[in-house]
Amino acid sequence: MDNEQKIQVMTDIMAKFTSYMGKRLPDDIMNKLRELRQQEDTYLAKVVYDSMFENQELADKLDRPCCQDTGVIQYHIKAGAEFPLLANIQDILRNAVLEATRIAPLRHNAVEIFKEKNTGNNTGERVPIIDWDIVPDSKSIEIEVYMAGGGCSLPGQGKTLMPSVGYEGIVEYVFDVMTSMGLNACPPLLVGIGIAGSIEVAARLSKKALFRPIGSRHNDPRGAEMELLIEKGLNEVGLGPQGLSGKNSVTAVHIESAARHPSTISVAINVGCWAHRRGTIRINEDMSYEIISHKGVTL
């Protein structure tokens, strides 16, 4: 298979996968929603969860997106330094979005800044969003696909704090944001928190935190403890499914961190709604692939 053939095959794979993961939630999210449903003891909370599961069944049966807001498409990439199509990835993913928009179909959500005009095809200035990490000594590429909806983007905020506020200040900020904006994002929410020395680093980390599997923990024991404490506290707020009250407000809290400047500590928050449309696929140099987020699925 020459490079031109590989480009076409990879474009087709990514178009089909982008379309697919807008219709079916990843395994870890579905398992967590089932777990949370079992913990509820009120009729209203159970009915809301049941409607979520019915929604998923209908999306599968009718082969349609599971939410009317199919978001702005984002690709977060771990690219092997020896993967053969690195120079072509941006064009491949743009064309994959154009095709996925047609075949899914996906709602048109790319509005050009200043022009205030919807492009009508989910591409535009720097859209789809592409974020890169390079992996040495690898010939494969792992791509996280994320549909960033308007509701789950509303709580996305960040702030640089004086270091004297300590980690208590970070927790206070998280609770301020989540209790004021969390209802807009369709709970229960996956909460991604980035902690760093500058706001742009914290913001990027908070988004990357959303791609960790449910049940994973920060690699520092104190970071893992902080995740659990914030998760416990947010659940005690009692937002419940769709903000209609219940035992749980979040599916998980994930923190990603980077070393900071001594004079600053920055925190940023991104969330995923209950329908957290995230998918992970690994493509090898021969264009064989494995879907990691949805086990047993082929395109």
Protein backbone atom coordinates (compact mmCIF):
# COMPACT_ATOMS: atom_id res chain seq x y z
CA MET A 1 0.00 0.00 0.00
CA ASP A 2 1.55 3.32 -1.05
CA ASN A 3 1.16 6.61 0.84
CA GLU A 4 -1.77 7.86 -1.25
CA GLN A 5 -3.67 4.66 -0.53
CA LYS A 6 -2.82 4.89 3.17
CA ILE A 7 -4.11 8.48 3.27
CA GLN A 8 -7.43 7.41 1.79
CA VAL A 9 -7.76 4.41 4.11
CA MET A 10 -6.97 6.45 7.22
CA THR A 11 -9.40 9.20 6.17
CA ASP A 12 -12.12 6.60 5.79
CA ILE A 13 -11.31 5.02 9.17
CA MET A 14 -11.39 8.36 10.98
CA ALA A 15 -14.60 9.50 9.25
CA LYS A 16 -16.37 6.30 10.27
CA PHE A 17 -14.96 6.38 13.82
CA THR A 18 -15.85 10.05 14.34
CA SER A 19 -19.37 9.28 13.18
CA TYR A 20 -19.58 6.15 15.34
CA MET A 21 -18.45 7.66 18.64
CA GLY A 22 -21.02 10.45 18.34
CA LYS A 23 -23.69 7.76 18.56
CA ARG A 24 -22.35 5.35 21.16
CA LEU A 25 -20.73 6.22 24.48
CA PRO A 26 -17.46 4.56 25.53
CA ASP A 27 -17.56 1.46 27.68
CA ASP A 28 -16.28 3.10 30.88
CA ILE A 29 -18.91 5.87 30.75
CA MET A 30 -21.77 3.41 30.22
CA ASN A 31 -20.54 1.19 33.05
CA LYS A 32 -20.28 4.18 35.40
CA LEU A 33 -23.78 5.42 34.54
CA ARG A 34 -25.18 1.98 35.34
CA GLU A 35 -23.32 2.01 38.65
CA LEU A 36 -24.66 5.46 39.56
CA ARG A 37 -28.21 4.47 38.64
CA GLN A 38 -28.03 1.60 41.12
CA GLN A 39 -27.05 4.00 43.91
CA GLU A 40 -30.09 6.23 43.49
CA ASP A 41 -33.13 5.68 45.71
CA THR A 42 -35.59 8.28 44.38
CA TYR A 43 -38.06 7.70 41.58
CA LEU A 44 -37.10 10.87 39.70
CA ALA A 45 -33.37 10.12 39.64
CA LYS A 46 -33.98 6.56 38.46
CA VAL A 47 -36.35 7.73 35.71
CA VAL A 48 -33.77 10.22 34.44
CA TYR A 49 -31.07 7.54 34.28
CA ASP A 50 -33.49 5.18 32.54
CA SER A 51 -34.18 7.86 29.94
CA MET A 52 -30.41 8.12 29.35
CA PHE A 53 -30.16 4.40 28.71
CA GLU A 54 -33.23 4.46 26.45
CA ASN A 55 -31.61 7.31 24.55
CA GLN A 56 -28.53 5.16 23.97
CA GLU A 57 -30.60 2.21 22.80
CA LEU A 58 -32.48 4.38 20.30
CA ALA A 59 -29.29 6.00 19.03
CA ASP A 60 -27.93 2.53 18.37
CA LYS A 61 -31.14 1.21 16.82
CA LEU A 62 -31.71 4.25 14.59
CA ASP A 63 -28.00 4.86 13.91
CA ARG A 64 -28.21 8.51 14.93
CA PRO A 65 -26.14 10.80 17.19
CA CYS A 66 -27.08 10.34 20.83
CA CYS A 67 -27.30 14.10 21.44
CA GLN A 68 -28.58 16.86 19.17
CA ASP A 69 -25.47 18.90 20.01
CA THR A 70 -22.71 16.99 18.28
CA GLY A 71 -20.22 19.62 19.40
CA VAL A 72 -17.03 20.94 17.87
CA ILE A 73 -14.78 18.05 16.85
CA GLN A 74 -11.47 17.79 18.66
CA TYR A 75 -8.65 15.32 18.04
CA HIS A 76 -6.00 14.76 20.71
CA ILE A 77 -3.14 12.76 19.28
CA LYS A 78 -0.29 10.64 20.60
CA ALA A 79 1.69 10.33 17.40
CA GLY A 80 4.49 7.86 16.97
CA ALA A 81 7.56 9.65 15.66
CA GLU A 82 7.89 6.98 12.96
CA PHE A 83 4.22 6.88 11.90
CA PRO A 84 4.33 7.27 8.09
CA LEU A 85 1.58 9.89 7.62
CA LEU A 86 2.54 12.58 10.14
CA ALA A 87 2.76 15.27 7.46
CA ASN A 88 -0.75 14.41 6.26
CA ILE A 89 -2.62 14.18 9.58
CA GLN A 90 -4.15 17.65 9.51
CA ASP A 91 -5.65 17.18 6.05
CA ILE A 92 -6.74 13.63 6.87
CA LEU A 93 -8.65 14.73 9.96
CA ARG A 94 -10.21 17.74 8.26
CA ASN A 95 -11.51 15.54 5.46
CA ALA A 96 -12.66 12.96 8.01
CA VAL A 97 -14.77 15.64 9.70
CA LEU A 98 -16.29 16.69 6.38
CA GLU A 99 -17.25 13.08 5.65
CA ALA A 100 -18.46 12.33 9.20
CA THR A 101 -20.66 15.43 9.09
CA ARG A 102 -22.33 14.00 5.99
CA ILE A 103 -22.69 10.35 6.97
CA ALA A 104 -23.54 10.59 10.70
CA PRO A 105 -25.01 13.21 10.16
CA LEU A 106 -23.51 15.78 12.55
CA ARG A 107 -25.05 19.16 13.34
CA HIS A 108 -23.09 22.11 11.94
CA ASN A 109 -21.30 23.74 14.89
CA ALA A 110 -18.33 25.68 13.50
CA VAL A 111 -19.05 29.42 13.67
CA GLU A 112 -16.25 31.66 12.41
CA ILE A 113 -15.11 34.33 14.89
CA PHE A 114 -15.80 37.93 13.79
CA LYS A 115 -17.66 36.78 10.68
CA GLU A 116 -20.28 35.13 12.94
CA LYS A 117 -21.06 32.72 10.14
CA ASN A 118 -21.58 28.98 10.44
CA THR A 119 -19.38 27.21 7.90
CA GLY A 120 -22.00 24.49 7.44
CA ASN A 121 -19.55 21.58 7.48
CA ASN A 122 -17.94 21.49 10.98
CA THR A 123 -14.60 22.80 9.70
CA GLY A 124 -13.25 26.31 9.95
CA GLU A 125 -10.40 28.35 11.34
CA ARG A 126 -8.29 25.84 13.35
CA VAL A 127 -11.26 23.46 13.42
CA PRO A 128 -11.19 20.54 13.87
CA ILE A 129 -9.03 21.25 16.91
CA ILE A 130 -5.86 19.13 16.82
CA ASP A 131 -3.61 18.72 19.85
CA TRP A 132 -0.32 16.79 19.57
CA ASP A 133 2.03 14.74 21.69
CA ILE A 134 4.93 12.94 19.97
CA VAL A 135 5.81 9.43 21.15
CA PRO A 136 9.44 8.35 20.43
CA ASP A 137 10.24 4.99 18.81
CA SER A 138 6.66 4.25 17.76
CA LYS A 139 5.17 3.56 14.32
CA SER A 140 1.52 3.83 15.41
CA ILE A 141 -0.78 6.74 16.21
CA GLU A 142 -3.39 6.94 18.98
CA ILE A 143 -6.19 9.44 18.45
CA GLU A 144 -8.72 10.62 21.01
CA VAL A 145 -11.87 11.99 19.38
CA TYR A 146 -13.99 14.33 21.45
CA MET A 147 -17.22 16.14 20.67
CA ALA A 148 -17.11 19.35 22.73
CA GLY A 149 -20.74 20.36 23.11
CA GLY A 150 -21.91 23.84 24.05
CA GLY A 151 -23.39 22.76 27.37
CA CYS A 152 -20.35 20.91 28.66
CA SER A 153 -18.11 23.77 27.49
CA LEU A 154 -19.94 26.38 29.59
CA PRO A 155 -18.22 25.47 32.89
CA GLY A 156 -14.83 25.65 31.16
CA GLN A 157 -12.96 28.26 33.18
CA GLY A 158 -9.51 28.99 34.52
CA LYS A 159 -7.75 31.31 36.93
CA THR A 160 -4.24 32.07 38.08
CA LEU A 161 -4.03 32.27 41.86
CA MET A 162 -1.53 33.61 44.31
CA PRO A 163 0.45 30.62 45.62
CA SER A 164 -0.42 31.60 49.18
CA VAL A 165 -3.98 30.30 48.69
CA GLY A 166 -2.54 26.79 48.41
CA TYR A 167 -4.50 23.75 47.39
CA GLU A 168 -7.44 24.97 49.48
CA GLY A 169 -7.76 27.85 47.02
CA ILE A 170 -7.84 25.44 44.10
CA VAL A 171 -10.60 23.39 45.71
CA GLU A 172 -12.61 26.52 46.52
CA TYR A 173 -12.36 27.68 42.92
CA VAL A 174 -13.46 24.28 41.60
CA PHE A 175 -16.53 24.28 43.83
CA ASP A 176 -17.40 27.88 42.91
CA VAL A 177 -17.36 27.01 39.22
CA MET A 178 -19.14 23.68 39.51
CA THR A 179 -21.95 24.92 41.76
CA SER A 180 -22.59 27.98 39.58
CA MET A 181 -22.15 26.48 36.08
CA GLY A 182 -22.38 22.71 36.49
CA LEU A 183 -26.14 22.56 35.96
CA ASN A 184 -25.68 23.80 32.39
CA ALA A 185 -23.53 20.83 31.46
CA CYS A 186 -26.03 17.94 31.98
CA PRO A 187 -24.82 16.08 35.10
CA PRO A 188 -23.46 13.68 36.19
CA LEU A 189 -20.24 15.25 34.97
CA LEU A 190 -16.73 14.07 34.33
CA VAL A 191 -14.63 16.89 35.81
CA GLY A 192 -11.15 17.54 34.41
CA ILE A 193 -8.88 19.80 36.47
CA GLY A 194 -5.52 21.13 35.33
CA ILE A 195 -3.00 22.53 37.82
CA ALA A 196 0.11 24.29 36.55
CA GLY A 197 2.05 27.54 36.65
CA SER A 198 0.26 29.35 33.83
CA ILE A 199 -3.29 29.40 32.62
CA GLU A 200 -2.75 28.00 29.11
CA VAL A 201 -0.92 24.94 30.46
CA ALA A 202 -3.59 24.35 33.11
CA ALA A 203 -6.34 24.65 30.49
CA ARG A 204 -4.70 22.10 28.17
CA LEU A 205 -4.19 19.69 31.05
CA SER A 206 -7.79 20.02 32.20
CA LYS A 207 -8.97 18.92 28.75
CA LYS A 208 -6.47 16.03 28.64
CA ALA A 209 -7.83 14.88 32.02
CA LEU A 210 -11.16 14.16 30.33
CA PHE A 211 -9.57 11.41 28.23
CA ARG A 212 -8.40 9.30 31.15
CA PRO A 213 -10.49 6.17 31.74
CA ILE A 214 -13.00 6.33 34.57
CA GLY A 215 -11.43 4.78 37.65
CA SER A 216 -7.87 5.86 36.86
CA ARG A 217 -6.03 8.02 39.39
CA HIS A 218 -3.33 10.68 39.43
CA ASN A 219 0.14 9.14 39.59
CA ASP A 220 0.99 11.05 42.79
CA PRO A 221 -0.81 9.62 45.87
CA ARG A 222 -1.62 13.14 47.07
CA GLY A 223 -3.08 14.01 43.68
CA ALA A 224 -5.15 10.83 43.76
CA GLU A 225 -6.38 11.72 47.26
CA MET A 226 -7.34 15.21 46.07
CA GLU A 227 -9.34 13.71 43.19
CA LEU A 228 -11.28 11.51 45.62
CA LEU A 229 -11.93 14.32 48.10
CA ILE A 230 -13.24 16.70 45.42
CA GLU A 231 -15.34 13.90 43.93
CA LYS A 232 -16.86 13.15 47.34
CA GLY A 233 -17.56 16.83 47.99
CA LEU A 234 -19.16 17.46 44.60
CA ASN A 235 -21.37 14.40 44.99
CA GLU A 236 -22.55 15.74 48.34
CA VAL A 237 -23.73 18.89 46.55
CA GLY A 238 -26.47 16.64 45.18
CA LEU A 239 -26.92 17.94 41.64
CA GLY A 240 -27.99 14.48 40.53
CA PRO A 241 -28.77 13.37 36.97
CA GLN A 242 -29.58 16.35 34.72
CA GLY A 243 -29.39 18.59 37.79
CA LEU A 244 -32.72 17.31 39.15
CA SER A 245 -31.18 16.17 42.48
CA GLY A 246 -29.70 12.84 43.41
CA LYS A 247 -26.84 11.16 45.22
CA ASN A 248 -24.16 11.85 42.63
CA SER A 249 -23.11 14.97 40.73
CA VAL A 250 -20.07 13.53 38.97
CA THR A 251 -18.93 10.36 37.25
CA ALA A 252 -15.34 11.11 38.26
CA VAL A 253 -12.82 13.86 38.99
CA HIS A 254 -9.48 13.71 37.16
CA ILE A 255 -6.52 15.99 37.83
CA GLU A 256 -3.55 16.50 35.51
CA SER A 257 -0.62 18.60 36.69
CA ALA A 258 2.61 20.25 35.57
CA ALA A 259 5.42 21.79 37.63
CA ARG A 260 4.75 25.48 38.29
CA HIS A 261 6.61 28.73 38.78
CA PRO A 262 7.19 29.49 42.50
CA SER A 263 5.14 32.70 42.23
CA THR A 264 1.99 31.35 40.57
CA ILE A 265 -0.45 28.50 40.71
CA SER A 266 -3.02 28.21 37.94
CA VAL A 267 -6.13 26.04 37.85
CA ALA A 268 -8.47 25.29 34.95
CA ILE A 269 -11.64 23.23 34.65
CA ASN A 270 -13.22 21.38 31.75
CA VAL A 271 -16.13 18.98 32.04
CA GLY A 272 -17.79 16.25 30.06
CA CYS A 273 -21.55 15.85 30.29
CA TRP A 274 -23.25 12.53 31.09
CA ALA A 275 -23.14 11.76 27.34
CA HIS A 276 -19.37 12.08 27.28
CA ARG A 277 -18.69 11.39 23.61
CA ARG A 278 -15.09 10.38 23.68
CA GLY A 279 -13.43 7.69 21.61
CA THR A 280 -9.93 6.26 21.37
CA ILE A 281 -8.50 4.51 18.33
CA ARG A 282 -4.99 3.24 17.61
CA ILE A 283 -3.87 3.01 13.96
CA ASN A 284 -0.74 1.14 12.95
CA GLU A 285 1.61 1.90 10.08
CA ASP A 286 -0.07 -0.75 7.91
CA MET A 287 -3.46 0.94 8.58
CA SER A 288 -4.75 -1.86 10.79
CA TYR A 289 -6.52 -0.41 13.82
CA GLU A 290 -7.88 -1.11 17.29
CA ILE A 291 -10.75 0.76 18.93
CA ILE A 292 -9.74 1.03 22.59
CA SER A 293 -12.72 2.89 24.03
CA HIS A 294 -15.44 0.64 22.59
CA LYS A 295 -14.28 -2.96 22.92
CA GLY A 296 -15.09 -5.42 20.16
CA VAL A 297 -16.15 -2.75 17.66
CA THR A 298 -15.05 -2.74 14.04
CA LEU A 299 -15.93 -0.04 11.53
